Amino acid sequence: MPEVTAQGKTFECEQGSNLRRVLLEHGVELYNGKAAIINCRGIGSCGTCAVMIAGEVSKPNWKDLARRSLPPHSPTANLRLACQTKVLGDINVTKFDGFWGHKQETVWTPEH
């Protein structure tokens, strides 16, 4: 089973699991500020669950690509929407600041 490391926690999940669900089930603070209340609940329309992922995950689907092509996101940024990403192997996840998690400062890393 793949291992996910995020916010100082490491846990296993089934291969093919939805990353958003896995992170939330393990108490990872996926959303910044009021995005914890105001988000699309995983349908891929808001973009607030954007994270940087190192490791093996599914290719971006059309929802992920479409949302990340709109401001404040950038299609060239190394981010993915957790709600539209499937875990395929061991991964490390990093969250950045800003309502949409799109800024430069890290909120948390895999280790912290």
C-alpha atoms as a PDB file:
ATOM      1  CA  MET A   1       0.000   0.000   0.000  1.00  0.00           C
ATOM      2  CA  PRO A   2       1.261   3.484  -0.830  1.00  0.00           C
ATOM      3  CA  GLU A   3       2.520   5.766   1.921  1.00  0.00           C
ATOM      4  CA  VAL A   4       1.489   9.418   2.070  1.00  0.00           C
ATOM      5  CA  THR A   5       3.647  11.884   4.017  1.00  0.00           C
ATOM      6  CA  ALA A   6       2.121  15.297   4.802  1.00  0.00           C
ATOM      7  CA  GLN A   7       2.227  17.783   7.663  1.00  0.00           C
ATOM      8  CA  GLY A   8       4.620  15.609   9.685  1.00  0.00           C
ATOM      9  CA  LYS A   9       2.450  12.500   9.396  1.00  0.00           C
ATOM     10  CA  THR A  10       2.981   9.315   7.389  1.00  0.00           C
ATOM     11  CA  PHE A  11       0.124   6.925   6.736  1.00  0.00           C
ATOM     12  CA  GLU A  12      -0.902   4.247   4.272  1.00  0.00           C
ATOM     13  CA  CYS A  13      -3.818   4.237   1.869  1.00  0.00           C
ATOM     14  CA  GLU A  14      -5.198   1.994  -0.816  1.00  0.00           C
ATOM     15  CA  GLN A  15      -3.683   2.440  -4.273  1.00  0.00           C
ATOM     16  CA  GLY A  16      -6.016   4.650  -6.303  1.00  0.00           C
ATOM     17  CA  SER A  17      -7.386   6.481  -3.252  1.00  0.00           C
ATOM     18  CA  ASN A  18      -8.505  10.089  -3.628  1.00  0.00           C
ATOM     19  CA  LEU A  19      -5.790  12.288  -2.102  1.00  0.00           C
ATOM     20  CA  ARG A  20      -8.217  14.856  -0.631  1.00  0.00           C
ATOM     21  CA  ARG A  21     -10.158  12.185   1.232  1.00  0.00           C
ATOM     22  CA  VAL A  22      -6.994  10.496   2.487  1.00  0.00           C
ATOM     23  CA  LEU A  23      -5.515  13.744   3.820  1.00  0.00           C
ATOM     24  CA  LEU A  24      -8.730  14.800   5.553  1.00  0.00           C
ATOM     25  CA  GLU A  25      -9.282  11.327   7.058  1.00  0.00           C
ATOM     26  CA  HIS A  26      -5.831  11.548   8.654  1.00  0.00           C
ATOM     27  CA  GLY A  27      -6.316  15.015  10.141  1.00  0.00           C
ATOM     28  CA  VAL A  28      -4.140  16.920   7.666  1.00  0.00           C
ATOM     29  CA  GLU A  29      -5.103  20.605   7.451  1.00  0.00           C
ATOM     30  CA  LEU A  30      -5.653  20.754   3.702  1.00  0.00           C
ATOM     31  CA  TYR A  31      -7.384  24.125   3.515  1.00  0.00           C
ATOM     32  CA  ASN A  32      -5.978  27.536   4.425  1.00  0.00           C
ATOM     33  CA  GLY A  33      -8.081  29.924   6.524  1.00  0.00           C
ATOM     34  CA  LYS A  34     -11.705  30.275   5.456  1.00  0.00           C
ATOM     35  CA  ALA A  35     -11.171  27.826   2.599  1.00  0.00           C
ATOM     36  CA  ALA A  36     -11.833  25.165   5.242  1.00  0.00           C
ATOM     37  CA  ILE A  37     -15.444  26.397   5.245  1.00  0.00           C
ATOM     38  CA  ILE A  38     -15.769  27.760   1.711  1.00  0.00           C
ATOM     39  CA  ASN A  39     -14.658  24.999  -0.656  1.00  0.00           C
ATOM     40  CA  CYS A  40     -16.312  22.863  -3.297  1.00  0.00           C
ATOM     41  CA  ARG A  41     -16.142  19.659  -1.198  1.00  0.00           C
ATOM     42  CA  GLY A  42     -14.125  17.804  -3.804  1.00  0.00           C
ATOM     43  CA  ILE A  43     -15.806  18.486  -7.136  1.00  0.00           C
ATOM     44  CA  GLY A  44     -12.768  20.311  -8.539  1.00  0.00           C
ATOM     45  CA  SER A  45     -14.263  23.742  -9.077  1.00  0.00           C
ATOM     46  CA  CYS A  46     -12.726  25.919  -6.342  1.00  0.00           C
ATOM     47  CA  GLY A  47      -9.004  25.100  -6.446  1.00  0.00           C
ATOM     48  CA  THR A  48      -8.446  25.575  -2.695  1.00  0.00           C
ATOM     49  CA  CYS A  49      -7.005  22.075  -2.185  1.00  0.00           C
ATOM     50  CA  ALA A  50      -3.986  22.764  -4.408  1.00  0.00           C
ATOM     51  CA  VAL A  51      -0.827  21.057  -3.161  1.00  0.00           C
ATOM     52  CA  MET A  52       2.619  20.168  -4.466  1.00  0.00           C
ATOM     53  CA  ILE A  53       3.146  16.427  -4.771  1.00  0.00           C
ATOM     54  CA  ALA A  54       6.354  14.445  -5.142  1.00  0.00           C
ATOM     55  CA  GLY A  55       5.780  10.822  -6.072  1.00  0.00           C
ATOM     56  CA  GLU A  56       3.455   8.678  -8.110  1.00  0.00           C
ATOM     57  CA  VAL A  57      -0.060  10.002  -8.658  1.00  0.00           C
ATOM     58  CA  SER A  58      -2.624   9.937 -11.456  1.00  0.00           C
ATOM     59  CA  LYS A  59      -2.256  12.243 -14.436  1.00  0.00           C
ATOM     60  CA  PRO A  60      -4.225  15.502 -14.190  1.00  0.00           C
ATOM     61  CA  ASN A  61      -7.817  15.080 -15.368  1.00  0.00           C
ATOM     62  CA  TRP A  62      -9.756  17.757 -17.238  1.00  0.00           C
ATOM     63  CA  LYS A  63     -11.187  19.294 -14.042  1.00  0.00           C
ATOM     64  CA  ASP A  64      -7.729  19.682 -12.517  1.00  0.00           C
ATOM     65  CA  LEU A  65      -6.299  21.143 -15.723  1.00  0.00           C
ATOM     66  CA  ALA A  66      -9.244  23.498 -16.258  1.00  0.00           C
ATOM     67  CA  ARG A  67      -9.276  24.911 -12.704  1.00  0.00           C
ATOM     68  CA  ARG A  68      -5.516  25.355 -12.543  1.00  0.00           C
ATOM     69  CA  SER A  69      -5.616  27.257 -15.847  1.00  0.00           C
ATOM     70  CA  LEU A  70      -7.658  30.035 -14.174  1.00  0.00           C
ATOM     71  CA  PRO A  71      -6.310  32.736 -11.831  1.00  0.00           C
ATOM     72  CA  PRO A  72      -4.962  32.820  -9.265  1.00  0.00           C
ATOM     73  CA  HIS A  73      -3.543  29.454 -10.292  1.00  0.00           C
ATOM     74  CA  SER A  74      -1.175  28.981 -13.193  1.00  0.00           C
ATOM     75  CA  PRO A  75      -1.046  25.932 -15.449  1.00  0.00           C
ATOM     76  CA  THR A  76       2.756  26.062 -15.262  1.00  0.00           C
ATOM     77  CA  ALA A  77       2.897  25.912 -11.438  1.00  0.00           C
ATOM     78  CA  ASN A  78       3.905  22.591  -9.928  1.00  0.00           C
ATOM     79  CA  LEU A  79       0.586  22.124  -8.113  1.00  0.00           C
ATOM     80  CA  ARG A  80      -2.269  19.652  -8.260  1.00  0.00           C
ATOM     81  CA  LEU A  81      -5.809  19.633  -6.888  1.00  0.00           C
ATOM     82  CA  ALA A  82      -5.894  17.021  -4.122  1.00  0.00           C
ATOM     83  CA  CYS A  83      -9.574  16.357  -4.828  1.00  0.00           C
ATOM     84  CA  GLN A  84      -8.826  15.306  -8.402  1.00  0.00           C
ATOM     85  CA  THR A  85      -5.678  13.267  -7.680  1.00  0.00           C
ATOM     86  CA  LYS A  86      -5.391   9.530  -7.075  1.00  0.00           C
ATOM     87  CA  VAL A  87      -2.521   8.124  -5.040  1.00  0.00           C
ATOM     88  CA  LEU A  88      -0.661   5.469  -7.049  1.00  0.00           C
ATOM     89  CA  GLY A  89       2.560   5.126  -5.031  1.00  0.00           C
ATOM     90  CA  ASP A  90       4.458   6.684  -2.145  1.00  0.00           C
ATOM     91  CA  ILE A  91       4.093  10.479  -2.124  1.00  0.00           C
ATOM     92  CA  ASN A  92       5.195  13.577  -0.214  1.00  0.00           C
ATOM     93  CA  VAL A  93       2.762  16.493  -0.052  1.00  0.00           C
ATOM     94  CA  THR A  94       3.476  20.206   0.551  1.00  0.00           C
ATOM     95  CA  LYS A  95       0.919  22.987   1.126  1.00  0.00           C
ATOM     96  CA  PHE A  96       1.536  26.653   0.303  1.00  0.00           C
ATOM     97  CA  ASP A  97      -0.097  29.795   1.694  1.00  0.00           C
ATOM     98  CA  GLY A  98      -2.900  31.887   0.237  1.00  0.00           C
ATOM     99  CA  PHE A  99      -6.597  31.084   0.076  1.00  0.00           C
ATOM    100  CA  TRP A 100      -6.014  28.818  -2.924  1.00  0.00           C
ATOM    101  CA  GLY A 101      -2.656  27.488  -1.712  1.00  0.00           C
ATOM    102  CA  HIS A 102      -0.994  29.190  -4.666  1.00  0.00           C
ATOM    103  CA  LYS A 103       1.555  31.506  -3.038  1.00  0.00           C
ATOM    104  CA  GLN A 104       5.267  31.007  -2.324  1.00  0.00           C
ATOM    105  CA  GLU A 105       5.471  30.472   1.441  1.00  0.00           C
ATOM    106  CA  THR A 106       4.986  26.955   2.731  1.00  0.00           C
ATOM    107  CA  VAL A 107       2.240  26.319   5.269  1.00  0.00           C
ATOM    108  CA  TRP A 108       3.410  22.782   5.885  1.00  0.00           C
ATOM    109  CA  THR A 109       5.797  20.286   4.326  1.00  0.00           C
ATOM    110  CA  PRO A 110       5.888  16.520   4.381  1.00  0.00           C
ATOM    111  CA  GLU A 111       8.083  16.670   7.502  1.00  0.00           C
ATOM    112  CA  HIS A 112       6.383  19.527   9.407  1.00  0.00           C
END
